[in-house]
Amino acid sequence: MNTFVSRLTLPYVLIKLSLLSAYGMPPLSDEPAGITFFKGSWKEVLAEAKRQNKPVYLDIYTTWCPPCKRMAKEAFPNPKVGTKFNVHFINYQLDAERGEGVQIAKQYAVASYPTALYIAPNGALVHRAVGYAGVNGMIDQADHMLALPQLRTTIAKGDKEYANGKRDPSFLKKYLLVRQALNRPTTDVLDAYLDALPESERLTAETMAFVAGAIQSSTTKAFDYLIKNRPDSLAADAAKSSLAITVSGALTRVLYTDFKRVIDTNDEILLETIIANSERNTASANPSAVRDEAQKQEAANTYRLTFLQQTQNLTKQ
């Protein structure tokens, strides 16, 4: 590897780095958005919460409330708040003086604004927070919520059942969603879920979208599954085309995550695995395009050069 690098000047290396996106790798900065609020009725919110096995974060506000306006302007667009709340909650807003908000505010005895209600998928109130304490206050509030016994008990029960060998698909899917909500690794559970699925459900759009949302690494059965079965991005059917975009984004995301891990651990063996998986991803995305060895080597060397720069190994030529 170093022999190859020694024949390149640093400017050439830097030019090569600009080609990363052409080989299926996202840029090294990926700024998350703010909070994403669910659109639909209160009944639909609870149904979605049950489907994902997540609690609901409900912001109850009024149009005349100054702290509500400040929170909407300052906290909701904040990337850190968005990352925390989008991962762990189904987020929803209601105006206490309009539509369903009037009845929901009455049901949960809301008298001050803004009021944040953390609600279980069955509609039970888990935690209430009144007022706006700033961005850090919102994040601390979410962490407090996630530490409550209701969630800890759920994940502990799932951990025990999984460790005892429970492997039916319904349980594994719910357990995966809980692990995702708590930002815990899902790789082994997701692979077990794929193994447990009956053949009739393996290739449905719902399964593929679920796997794409849960996958965390390219060194898994889930990655192989998506590579082998990815939909055609040029399909005339809008649903298939949309699913293809979802799958493509998931594959790119985990390759990027794995490559960051390669850099963090300085793992050259894993690097070669990621290079091979990236080539598989490129080939499956464009099955009709035949890439020659020179193109494959070009892509591989782009990874290696980036790895060397990021780990400061260029000086070790």
C-alpha atoms as a PDB file:
ATOM      1  CA  MET A   1       0.000   0.000   0.000  1.00  0.00           C
ATOM      2  CA  ASN A   2       2.762   2.447   0.938  1.00  0.00           C
ATOM      3  CA  THR A   3       4.693   1.624  -2.245  1.00  0.00           C
ATOM      4  CA  PHE A   4       1.671   2.708  -4.260  1.00  0.00           C
ATOM      5  CA  VAL A   5       1.296   5.927  -2.262  1.00  0.00           C
ATOM      6  CA  SER A   6       4.972   6.784  -2.583  1.00  0.00           C
ATOM      7  CA  ARG A   7       4.496   7.159  -6.335  1.00  0.00           C
ATOM      8  CA  LEU A   8       1.803   9.828  -5.848  1.00  0.00           C
ATOM      9  CA  THR A   9       2.234  13.465  -4.993  1.00  0.00           C
ATOM     10  CA  LEU A  10       0.091  14.945  -2.208  1.00  0.00           C
ATOM     11  CA  PRO A  11      -1.895  17.176  -4.605  1.00  0.00           C
ATOM     12  CA  TYR A  12      -2.849  14.089  -6.623  1.00  0.00           C
ATOM     13  CA  VAL A  13      -3.986  12.364  -3.436  1.00  0.00           C
ATOM     14  CA  LEU A  14      -6.164  15.351  -2.526  1.00  0.00           C
ATOM     15  CA  ILE A  15      -7.718  15.392  -5.991  1.00  0.00           C
ATOM     16  CA  LYS A  16      -8.529  11.711  -5.594  1.00  0.00           C
ATOM     17  CA  LEU A  17     -10.302  12.386  -2.315  1.00  0.00           C
ATOM     18  CA  SER A  18     -12.839  14.520  -4.157  1.00  0.00           C
ATOM     19  CA  LEU A  19     -13.963  11.392  -6.029  1.00  0.00           C
ATOM     20  CA  LEU A  20     -15.295   9.666  -2.903  1.00  0.00           C
ATOM     21  CA  SER A  21     -18.910  10.434  -3.657  1.00  0.00           C
ATOM     22  CA  ALA A  22     -18.593   8.863  -7.088  1.00  0.00           C
ATOM     23  CA  TYR A  23     -17.865   5.513  -5.468  1.00  0.00           C
ATOM     24  CA  GLY A  24     -20.851   5.398  -3.177  1.00  0.00           C
ATOM     25  CA  MET A  25     -19.399   7.167  -0.123  1.00  0.00           C
ATOM     26  CA  PRO A  26     -21.143  10.164   1.452  1.00  0.00           C
ATOM     27  CA  PRO A  27     -19.207  13.286   2.485  1.00  0.00           C
ATOM     28  CA  LEU A  28     -17.368  13.192   5.795  1.00  0.00           C
ATOM     29  CA  SER A  29     -19.791  15.700   7.317  1.00  0.00           C
ATOM     30  CA  ASP A  30     -23.453  14.794   7.617  1.00  0.00           C
ATOM     31  CA  GLU A  31     -25.406  17.435   9.527  1.00  0.00           C
ATOM     32  CA  PRO A  32     -28.633  16.026  10.969  1.00  0.00           C
ATOM     33  CA  ALA A  33     -31.891  17.949  10.777  1.00  0.00           C
ATOM     34  CA  GLY A  34     -34.032  19.127  13.668  1.00  0.00           C
ATOM     35  CA  ILE A  35     -37.079  17.376  15.097  1.00  0.00           C
ATOM     36  CA  THR A  36     -39.335  15.662  12.575  1.00  0.00           C
ATOM     37  CA  PHE A  37     -42.962  15.869  13.681  1.00  0.00           C
ATOM     38  CA  PHE A  38     -45.467  13.181  12.710  1.00  0.00           C
ATOM     39  CA  LYS A  39     -48.296  14.329  10.442  1.00  0.00           C
ATOM     40  CA  GLY A  40     -51.706  12.780  11.038  1.00  0.00           C
ATOM     41  CA  SER A  41     -54.385  12.337  13.677  1.00  0.00           C
ATOM     42  CA  TRP A  42     -53.813  11.485  17.345  1.00  0.00           C
ATOM     43  CA  LYS A  43     -55.146   7.988  16.668  1.00  0.00           C
ATOM     44  CA  GLU A  44     -52.608   7.585  13.875  1.00  0.00           C
ATOM     45  CA  VAL A  45     -49.813   8.824  16.145  1.00  0.00           C
ATOM     46  CA  LEU A  46     -50.551   6.132  18.719  1.00  0.00           C
ATOM     47  CA  ALA A  47     -50.787   3.503  15.988  1.00  0.00           C
ATOM     48  CA  GLU A  48     -47.359   4.542  14.712  1.00  0.00           C
ATOM     49  CA  ALA A  49     -45.985   4.490  18.256  1.00  0.00           C
ATOM     50  CA  LYS A  50     -47.245   0.926  18.670  1.00  0.00           C
ATOM     51  CA  ARG A  51     -45.795  -0.082  15.308  1.00  0.00           C
ATOM     52  CA  GLN A  52     -42.353   1.265  16.207  1.00  0.00           C
ATOM     53  CA  ASN A  53     -42.666   0.483  19.922  1.00  0.00           C
ATOM     54  CA  LYS A  54     -41.618   4.032  20.807  1.00  0.00           C
ATOM     55  CA  PRO A  55     -43.041   6.549  23.284  1.00  0.00           C
ATOM     56  CA  VAL A  56     -44.660   9.725  21.953  1.00  0.00           C
ATOM     57  CA  TYR A  57     -43.183  13.168  22.579  1.00  0.00           C
ATOM     58  CA  LEU A  58     -46.200  15.503  22.453  1.00  0.00           C
ATOM     59  CA  ASP A  59     -45.622  19.257  22.374  1.00  0.00           C
ATOM     60  CA  ILE A  60     -48.799  21.100  23.411  1.00  0.00           C
ATOM     61  CA  TYR A  61     -48.625  24.813  22.615  1.00  0.00           C
ATOM     62  CA  THR A  62     -50.702  27.879  21.828  1.00  0.00           C
ATOM     63  CA  THR A  63     -50.182  30.498  19.121  1.00  0.00           C
ATOM     64  CA  TRP A  64     -49.898  33.355  21.683  1.00  0.00           C
ATOM     65  CA  CYS A  65     -47.356  31.679  24.015  1.00  0.00           C
ATOM     66  CA  PRO A  66     -43.873  33.389  23.868  1.00  0.00           C
ATOM     67  CA  PRO A  67     -41.919  30.391  25.278  1.00  0.00           C
ATOM     68  CA  CYS A  68     -43.652  28.165  22.708  1.00  0.00           C
ATOM     69  CA  LYS A  69     -42.485  30.424  19.899  1.00  0.00           C
ATOM     70  CA  ARG A  70     -38.954  30.550  21.284  1.00  0.00           C
ATOM     71  CA  MET A  71     -38.812  26.766  21.566  1.00  0.00           C
ATOM     72  CA  ALA A  72     -40.112  26.364  17.995  1.00  0.00           C
ATOM     73  CA  LYS A  73     -37.476  28.775  16.698  1.00  0.00           C
ATOM     74  CA  GLU A  74     -34.535  27.727  18.860  1.00  0.00           C
ATOM     75  CA  ALA A  75     -34.882  24.065  19.875  1.00  0.00           C
ATOM     76  CA  PHE A  76     -36.915  22.241  17.255  1.00  0.00           C
ATOM     77  CA  PRO A  77     -34.514  23.022  14.350  1.00  0.00           C
ATOM     78  CA  ASN A  78     -31.444  22.213  16.485  1.00  0.00           C
ATOM     79  CA  PRO A  79     -29.495  19.195  15.104  1.00  0.00           C
ATOM     80  CA  LYS A  80     -28.670  17.798  18.567  1.00  0.00           C
ATOM     81  CA  VAL A  81     -32.293  17.958  19.657  1.00  0.00           C
ATOM     82  CA  GLY A  82     -33.372  16.419  16.344  1.00  0.00           C
ATOM     83  CA  THR A  83     -30.928  13.536  16.667  1.00  0.00           C
ATOM     84  CA  LYS A  84     -32.086  12.724  20.191  1.00  0.00           C
ATOM     85  CA  PHE A  85     -35.827  13.008  19.630  1.00  0.00           C
ATOM     86  CA  ASN A  86     -36.039  11.498  16.143  1.00  0.00           C
ATOM     87  CA  VAL A  87     -34.256   8.343  17.292  1.00  0.00           C
ATOM     88  CA  HIS A  88     -36.122   7.785  20.533  1.00  0.00           C
ATOM     89  CA  PHE A  89     -39.642   9.182  20.091  1.00  0.00           C
ATOM     90  CA  ILE A  90     -42.572   9.630  17.752  1.00  0.00           C
ATOM     91  CA  ASN A  91     -42.807  13.436  17.822  1.00  0.00           C
ATOM     92  CA  TYR A  92     -46.128  15.242  17.584  1.00  0.00           C
ATOM     93  CA  GLN A  93     -47.562  18.738  18.121  1.00  0.00           C
ATOM     94  CA  LEU A  94     -51.011  19.990  19.063  1.00  0.00           C
ATOM     95  CA  ASP A  95     -52.405  23.493  19.449  1.00  0.00           C
ATOM     96  CA  ALA A  96     -54.321  23.397  22.750  1.00  0.00           C
ATOM     97  CA  GLU A  97     -56.966  25.708  21.368  1.00  0.00           C
ATOM     98  CA  ARG A  98     -57.667  24.096  18.007  1.00  0.00           C
ATOM     99  CA  GLY A  99     -58.900  20.799  16.594  1.00  0.00           C
ATOM    100  CA  GLU A 100     -57.969  17.645  18.466  1.00  0.00           C
ATOM    101  CA  GLY A 101     -55.684  19.702  20.679  1.00  0.00           C
ATOM    102  CA  VAL A 102     -58.593  20.977  22.746  1.00  0.00           C
ATOM    103  CA  GLN A 103     -59.705  17.493  23.800  1.00  0.00           C
ATOM    104  CA  ILE A 104     -56.181  16.071  24.202  1.00  0.00           C
ATOM    105  CA  ALA A 105     -55.096  19.003  26.383  1.00  0.00           C
ATOM    106  CA  LYS A 106     -58.186  18.456  28.544  1.00  0.00           C
ATOM    107  CA  GLN A 107     -57.617  14.694  28.681  1.00  0.00           C
ATOM    108  CA  TYR A 108     -54.076  15.130  30.032  1.00  0.00           C
ATOM    109  CA  ALA A 109     -54.963  18.148  32.247  1.00  0.00           C
ATOM    110  CA  VAL A 110     -52.678  20.592  30.452  1.00  0.00           C
ATOM    111  CA  ALA A 111     -52.982  24.101  31.908  1.00  0.00           C
ATOM    112  CA  SER A 112     -49.642  25.779  31.055  1.00  0.00           C
ATOM    113  CA  TYR A 113     -47.728  26.181  27.825  1.00  0.00           C
ATOM    114  CA  PRO A 114     -45.635  24.745  26.431  1.00  0.00           C
ATOM    115  CA  THR A 115     -46.221  21.378  28.039  1.00  0.00           C
ATOM    116  CA  ALA A 116     -44.289  18.321  26.930  1.00  0.00           C
ATOM    117  CA  LEU A 117     -46.067  15.012  27.435  1.00  0.00           C
ATOM    118  CA  TYR A 118     -44.221  11.725  27.097  1.00  0.00           C
ATOM    119  CA  ILE A 119     -46.830   9.091  26.354  1.00  0.00           C
ATOM    120  CA  ALA A 120     -46.645   5.312  26.021  1.00  0.00           C
ATOM    121  CA  PRO A 121     -47.996   3.724  22.807  1.00  0.00           C
ATOM    122  CA  ASN A 122     -51.138   2.695  24.702  1.00  0.00           C
ATOM    123  CA  GLY A 123     -51.876   6.340  25.503  1.00  0.00           C
ATOM    124  CA  ALA A 124     -50.749   6.239  29.158  1.00  0.00           C
ATOM    125  CA  LEU A 125     -48.941   9.339  30.399  1.00  0.00           C
ATOM    126  CA  VAL A 126     -45.389   8.499  31.411  1.00  0.00           C
ATOM    127  CA  HIS A 127     -43.880  11.923  32.121  1.00  0.00           C
ATOM    128  CA  ARG A 128     -44.897  15.607  32.046  1.00  0.00           C
ATOM    129  CA  ALA A 129     -42.633  18.646  31.680  1.00  0.00           C
ATOM    130  CA  VAL A 130     -43.921  22.234  31.746  1.00  0.00           C
ATOM    131  CA  GLY A 131     -42.127  25.203  30.183  1.00  0.00           C
ATOM    132  CA  TYR A 132     -39.032  25.588  28.028  1.00  0.00           C
ATOM    133  CA  ALA A 133     -35.581  25.205  29.583  1.00  0.00           C
ATOM    134  CA  GLY A 134     -33.450  25.662  26.480  1.00  0.00           C
ATOM    135  CA  VAL A 135     -31.800  23.215  24.108  1.00  0.00           C
ATOM    136  CA  ASN A 136     -29.735  21.479  26.783  1.00  0.00           C
ATOM    137  CA  GLY A 137     -32.781  21.310  29.023  1.00  0.00           C
ATOM    138  CA  MET A 138     -34.742  19.507  26.319  1.00  0.00           C
ATOM    139  CA  ILE A 139     -31.956  16.983  25.810  1.00  0.00           C
ATOM    140  CA  ASP A 140     -31.667  16.406  29.578  1.00  0.00           C
ATOM    141  CA  GLN A 141     -35.441  15.997  29.698  1.00  0.00           C
ATOM    142  CA  ALA A 142     -35.319  13.313  26.988  1.00  0.00           C
ATOM    143  CA  ASP A 143     -32.493  11.490  28.774  1.00  0.00           C
ATOM    144  CA  HIS A 144     -34.515  11.534  31.990  1.00  0.00           C
ATOM    145  CA  MET A 145     -37.479  10.092  30.150  1.00  0.00           C
ATOM    146  CA  LEU A 146     -35.393   7.302  28.614  1.00  0.00           C
ATOM    147  CA  ALA A 147     -34.053   6.367  32.056  1.00  0.00           C
ATOM    148  CA  LEU A 148     -37.519   5.792  33.513  1.00  0.00           C
ATOM    149  CA  PRO A 149     -38.379   2.221  34.603  1.00  0.00           C
ATOM    150  CA  GLN A 150     -41.018   1.783  31.891  1.00  0.00           C
ATOM    151  CA  LEU A 151     -38.371   1.634  29.169  1.00  0.00           C
ATOM    152  CA  ARG A 152     -35.684  -0.051  31.255  1.00  0.00           C
ATOM    153  CA  THR A 153     -38.081  -2.869  32.125  1.00  0.00           C
ATOM    154  CA  THR A 154     -39.059  -3.361  28.490  1.00  0.00           C
ATOM    155  CA  ILE A 155     -35.492  -3.722  27.240  1.00  0.00           C
ATOM    156  CA  ALA A 156     -34.436  -5.922  30.189  1.00  0.00           C
ATOM    157  CA  LYS A 157     -37.289  -8.332  29.459  1.00  0.00           C
ATOM    158  CA  GLY A 158     -36.335  -8.435  25.787  1.00  0.00           C
ATOM    159  CA  ASP A 159     -32.669  -9.003  26.607  1.00  0.00           C
ATOM    160  CA  LYS A 160     -33.553 -11.949  28.814  1.00  0.00           C
ATOM    161  CA  GLU A 161     -35.879 -13.558  26.281  1.00  0.00           C
ATOM    162  CA  TYR A 162     -33.367 -13.093  23.463  1.00  0.00           C
ATOM    163  CA  ALA A 163     -30.548 -14.547  25.582  1.00  0.00           C
ATOM    164  CA  ASN A 164     -32.810 -17.529  26.375  1.00  0.00           C
ATOM    165  CA  GLY A 165     -33.189 -18.256  22.667  1.00  0.00           C
ATOM    166  CA  LYS A 166     -36.543 -16.688  21.790  1.00  0.00           C
ATOM    167  CA  ARG A 167     -36.453 -16.249  18.020  1.00  0.00           C
ATOM    168  CA  ASP A 168     -39.962 -15.851  16.628  1.00  0.00           C
ATOM    169  CA  PRO A 169     -40.085 -13.000  14.061  1.00  0.00           C
ATOM    170  CA  SER A 170     -42.749 -10.986  15.868  1.00  0.00           C
ATOM    171  CA  PHE A 171     -40.714 -10.850  19.077  1.00  0.00           C
ATOM    172  CA  LEU A 172     -37.463 -10.091  17.227  1.00  0.00           C
ATOM    173  CA  LYS A 173     -39.021  -7.198  15.331  1.00  0.00           C
ATOM    174  CA  LYS A 174     -40.362  -5.583  18.498  1.00  0.00           C
ATOM    175  CA  TYR A 175     -37.063  -6.199  20.286  1.00  0.00           C
ATOM    176  CA  LEU A 176     -35.174  -4.599  17.391  1.00  0.00           C
ATOM    177  CA  LEU A 177     -37.361  -1.496  17.581  1.00  0.00           C
ATOM    178  CA  VAL A 178     -36.745  -1.154  21.322  1.00  0.00           C
ATOM    179  CA  ARG A 179     -32.981  -1.511  20.819  1.00  0.00           C
ATOM    180  CA  GLN A 180     -33.110   1.113  18.087  1.00  0.00           C
ATOM    181  CA  ALA A 181     -35.088   3.478  20.332  1.00  0.00           C
ATOM    182  CA  LEU A 182     -32.364   3.181  22.977  1.00  0.00           C
ATOM    183  CA  ASN A 183     -29.606   3.587  20.372  1.00  0.00           C
ATOM    184  CA  ARG A 184     -28.196   0.115  21.084  1.00  0.00           C
ATOM    185  CA  PRO A 185     -26.527  -2.233  18.569  1.00  0.00           C
ATOM    186  CA  THR A 186     -28.949  -4.261  16.462  1.00  0.00           C
ATOM    187  CA  THR A 187     -26.675  -6.266  14.160  1.00  0.00           C
ATOM    188  CA  ASP A 188     -26.985  -9.726  15.720  1.00  0.00           C
ATOM    189  CA  VAL A 189     -30.725  -9.363  16.331  1.00  0.00           C
ATOM    190  CA  LEU A 190     -31.369  -8.167  12.771  1.00  0.00           C
ATOM    191  CA  ASP A 191     -29.504 -11.143  11.316  1.00  0.00           C
ATOM    192  CA  ALA A 192     -31.467 -13.467  13.614  1.00  0.00           C
ATOM    193  CA  TYR A 193     -34.681 -11.793  12.435  1.00  0.00           C
ATOM    194  CA  LEU A 194     -33.814 -12.492   8.788  1.00  0.00           C
ATOM    195  CA  ASP A 195     -33.025 -16.116   9.632  1.00  0.00           C
ATOM    196  CA  ALA A 196     -36.369 -16.504  11.418  1.00  0.00           C
ATOM    197  CA  LEU A 197     -38.555 -14.958   8.730  1.00  0.00           C
ATOM    198  CA  PRO A 198     -40.673 -17.362   6.705  1.00  0.00           C
ATOM    199  CA  GLU A 199     -39.811 -17.415   3.002  1.00  0.00           C
ATOM    200  CA  SER A 200     -43.130 -15.770   2.120  1.00  0.00           C
ATOM    201  CA  GLU A 201     -42.178 -12.620   4.063  1.00  0.00           C
ATOM    202  CA  ARG A 202     -38.503 -12.270   3.179  1.00  0.00           C
ATOM    203  CA  LEU A 203     -38.932 -10.283  -0.022  1.00  0.00           C
ATOM    204  CA  THR A 204     -41.885  -8.075   0.822  1.00  0.00           C
ATOM    205  CA  ALA A 205     -41.462  -4.309   0.553  1.00  0.00           C
ATOM    206  CA  GLU A 206     -42.268  -3.987   4.271  1.00  0.00           C
ATOM    207  CA  THR A 207     -39.467  -6.372   5.252  1.00  0.00           C
ATOM    208  CA  MET A 208     -36.960  -4.715   2.968  1.00  0.00           C
ATOM    209  CA  ALA A 209     -37.773  -1.243   4.287  1.00  0.00           C
ATOM    210  CA  PHE A 210     -37.570  -2.471   7.878  1.00  0.00           C
ATOM    211  CA  VAL A 211     -34.159  -4.092   7.314  1.00  0.00           C
ATOM    212  CA  ALA A 212     -32.925  -0.935   5.576  1.00  0.00           C
ATOM    213  CA  GLY A 213     -33.947   1.117   8.603  1.00  0.00           C
ATOM    214  CA  ALA A 214     -32.334  -1.208  11.151  1.00  0.00           C
ATOM    215  CA  ILE A 215     -29.078  -2.223   9.421  1.00  0.00           C
ATOM    216  CA  GLN A 216     -25.913  -0.966  11.121  1.00  0.00           C
ATOM    217  CA  SER A 217     -23.000  -2.626   9.307  1.00  0.00           C
ATOM    218  CA  SER A 218     -21.950  -3.967   5.920  1.00  0.00           C
ATOM    219  CA  THR A 219     -20.350  -7.032   7.518  1.00  0.00           C
ATOM    220  CA  THR A 220     -23.720  -8.698   8.137  1.00  0.00           C
ATOM    221  CA  LYS A 221     -26.325 -10.999   6.635  1.00  0.00           C
ATOM    222  CA  ALA A 222     -28.615  -7.970   6.413  1.00  0.00           C
ATOM    223  CA  PHE A 223     -26.177  -6.242   4.034  1.00  0.00           C
ATOM    224  CA  ASP A 224     -25.976  -9.382   1.888  1.00  0.00           C
ATOM    225  CA  TYR A 225     -29.773  -9.556   1.868  1.00  0.00           C
ATOM    226  CA  LEU A 226     -30.176  -5.967   0.667  1.00  0.00           C
ATOM    227  CA  ILE A 227     -27.420  -6.289  -1.942  1.00  0.00           C
ATOM    228  CA  LYS A 228     -28.957  -9.443  -3.383  1.00  0.00           C
ATOM    229  CA  ASN A 229     -32.569  -8.257  -3.378  1.00  0.00           C
ATOM    230  CA  ARG A 230     -32.366  -4.484  -3.885  1.00  0.00           C
ATOM    231  CA  PRO A 231     -35.177  -3.102  -6.090  1.00  0.00           C
ATOM    232  CA  ASP A 232     -34.531  -1.542  -9.472  1.00  0.00           C
ATOM    233  CA  SER A 233     -34.020   2.212  -9.023  1.00  0.00           C
ATOM    234  CA  LEU A 234     -35.342   2.776 -12.567  1.00  0.00           C
ATOM    235  CA  ALA A 235     -38.583   0.893 -11.974  1.00  0.00           C
ATOM    236  CA  ALA A 236     -41.649   2.600 -13.378  1.00  0.00           C
ATOM    237  CA  ASP A 237     -43.601   1.720 -10.242  1.00  0.00           C
ATOM    238  CA  ALA A 238     -43.250   4.695  -7.857  1.00  0.00           C
ATOM    239  CA  ALA A 239     -43.359   2.502  -4.728  1.00  0.00           C
ATOM    240  CA  LYS A 240     -40.535   0.272  -6.006  1.00  0.00           C
ATOM    241  CA  SER A 241     -38.486   3.284  -7.030  1.00  0.00           C
ATOM    242  CA  SER A 242     -38.955   4.832  -3.588  1.00  0.00           C
ATOM    243  CA  LEU A 243     -37.951   1.570  -1.897  1.00  0.00           C
ATOM    244  CA  ALA A 244     -34.862   1.399  -4.103  1.00  0.00           C
ATOM    245  CA  ILE A 245     -33.821   4.843  -2.878  1.00  0.00           C
ATOM    246  CA  THR A 246     -34.356   3.752   0.741  1.00  0.00           C
ATOM    247  CA  VAL A 247     -32.250   0.618   0.272  1.00  0.00           C
ATOM    248  CA  SER A 248     -29.526   2.496  -1.572  1.00  0.00           C
ATOM    249  CA  GLY A 249     -29.344   5.075   1.204  1.00  0.00           C
ATOM    250  CA  ALA A 250     -29.094   2.350   3.862  1.00  0.00           C
ATOM    251  CA  LEU A 251     -26.259   0.565   2.042  1.00  0.00           C
ATOM    252  CA  THR A 252     -24.327   3.795   1.578  1.00  0.00           C
ATOM    253  CA  ARG A 253     -24.893   4.749   5.219  1.00  0.00           C
ATOM    254  CA  VAL A 254     -23.513   1.530   6.673  1.00  0.00           C
ATOM    255  CA  LEU A 255     -20.503   1.566   4.341  1.00  0.00           C
ATOM    256  CA  TYR A 256     -19.762   5.071   5.564  1.00  0.00           C
ATOM    257  CA  THR A 257     -20.224   4.037   9.202  1.00  0.00           C
ATOM    258  CA  ASP A 258     -17.942   1.042   8.748  1.00  0.00           C
ATOM    259  CA  PHE A 259     -15.315   3.163   7.010  1.00  0.00           C
ATOM    260  CA  LYS A 260     -15.339   5.583   9.949  1.00  0.00           C
ATOM    261  CA  ARG A 261     -14.813   2.578  12.211  1.00  0.00           C
ATOM    262  CA  VAL A 262     -11.872   1.511  10.041  1.00  0.00           C
ATOM    263  CA  ILE A 263     -10.290   4.921  10.545  1.00  0.00           C
ATOM    264  CA  ASP A 264     -11.048   5.027  14.282  1.00  0.00           C
ATOM    265  CA  THR A 265      -9.501   1.576  14.842  1.00  0.00           C
ATOM    266  CA  ASN A 266      -6.777   1.801  12.170  1.00  0.00           C
ATOM    267  CA  ASP A 267      -7.954  -1.613  10.998  1.00  0.00           C
ATOM    268  CA  GLU A 268      -6.457  -2.384   7.572  1.00  0.00           C
ATOM    269  CA  ILE A 269      -8.029  -5.854   7.437  1.00  0.00           C
ATOM    270  CA  LEU A 270     -11.504  -4.405   7.901  1.00  0.00           C
ATOM    271  CA  LEU A 271     -10.606  -1.748   5.326  1.00  0.00           C
ATOM    272  CA  GLU A 272     -10.181  -4.405   2.647  1.00  0.00           C
ATOM    273  CA  THR A 273     -13.529  -5.939   3.609  1.00  0.00           C
ATOM    274  CA  ILE A 274     -15.210  -2.533   3.250  1.00  0.00           C
ATOM    275  CA  ILE A 275     -13.551  -2.024  -0.139  1.00  0.00           C
ATOM    276  CA  ALA A 276     -14.932  -5.370  -1.318  1.00  0.00           C
ATOM    277  CA  ASN A 277     -18.393  -4.575   0.057  1.00  0.00           C
ATOM    278  CA  SER A 278     -18.358  -1.162  -1.586  1.00  0.00           C
ATOM    279  CA  GLU A 279     -17.599  -2.779  -4.931  1.00  0.00           C
ATOM    280  CA  ARG A 280     -20.479  -5.215  -4.393  1.00  0.00           C
ATOM    281  CA  ASN A 281     -22.745  -2.252  -3.664  1.00  0.00           C
ATOM    282  CA  THR A 282     -21.668  -0.444  -6.825  1.00  0.00           C
ATOM    283  CA  ALA A 283     -22.127  -3.563  -8.955  1.00  0.00           C
ATOM    284  CA  SER A 284     -25.583  -4.328  -7.569  1.00  0.00           C
ATOM    285  CA  ALA A 285     -26.709  -0.727  -8.064  1.00  0.00           C
ATOM    286  CA  ASN A 286     -25.735  -0.875 -11.739  1.00  0.00           C
ATOM    287  CA  PRO A 287     -25.957  -4.549 -12.780  1.00  0.00           C
ATOM    288  CA  SER A 288     -25.888  -3.705 -16.500  1.00  0.00           C
ATOM    289  CA  ALA A 289     -22.697  -1.639 -16.218  1.00  0.00           C
ATOM    290  CA  VAL A 290     -19.561  -3.772 -16.432  1.00  0.00           C
ATOM    291  CA  ARG A 291     -16.633  -2.218 -14.575  1.00  0.00           C
ATOM    292  CA  ASP A 292     -13.141  -3.188 -15.653  1.00  0.00           C
ATOM    293  CA  GLU A 293     -10.322  -3.919 -13.219  1.00  0.00           C
ATOM    294  CA  ALA A 294      -8.862  -0.436 -13.637  1.00  0.00           C
ATOM    295  CA  GLN A 295     -12.117   1.156 -12.432  1.00  0.00           C
ATOM    296  CA  LYS A 296     -12.327  -1.216  -9.494  1.00  0.00           C
ATOM    297  CA  GLN A 297      -8.716  -0.500  -8.560  1.00  0.00           C
ATOM    298  CA  GLU A 298      -9.364   3.230  -8.838  1.00  0.00           C
ATOM    299  CA  ALA A 299     -12.249   2.977  -6.370  1.00  0.00           C
ATOM    300  CA  ALA A 300     -10.238   0.769  -3.999  1.00  0.00           C
ATOM    301  CA  ASN A 301      -7.282   3.133  -4.041  1.00  0.00           C
ATOM    302  CA  THR A 302      -9.556   6.071  -3.244  1.00  0.00           C
ATOM    303  CA  TYR A 303     -10.584   4.285  -0.048  1.00  0.00           C
ATOM    304  CA  ARG A 304      -6.973   3.407   0.793  1.00  0.00           C
ATOM    305  CA  LEU A 305      -5.691   6.908   0.198  1.00  0.00           C
ATOM    306  CA  THR A 306      -8.419   8.401   2.351  1.00  0.00           C
ATOM    307  CA  PHE A 307      -7.649   5.871   5.074  1.00  0.00           C
ATOM    308  CA  LEU A 308      -3.964   6.781   4.958  1.00  0.00           C
ATOM    309  CA  GLN A 309      -4.662  10.485   5.139  1.00  0.00           C
ATOM    310  CA  GLN A 310      -7.192  10.161   7.958  1.00  0.00           C
ATOM    311  CA  THR A 311      -4.877   7.957  10.027  1.00  0.00           C
ATOM    312  CA  GLN A 312      -1.873  10.181   9.220  1.00  0.00           C
ATOM    313  CA  ASN A 313       0.043   7.328   7.636  1.00  0.00           C
ATOM    314  CA  LEU A 314       1.151   9.296   4.591  1.00  0.00           C
ATOM    315  CA  THR A 315       4.301  10.252   6.462  1.00  0.00           C
ATOM    316  CA  LYS A 316       5.189   6.543   6.826  1.00  0.00           C
ATOM    317  CA  GLN A 317       5.976   6.033   3.128  1.00  0.00           C
END
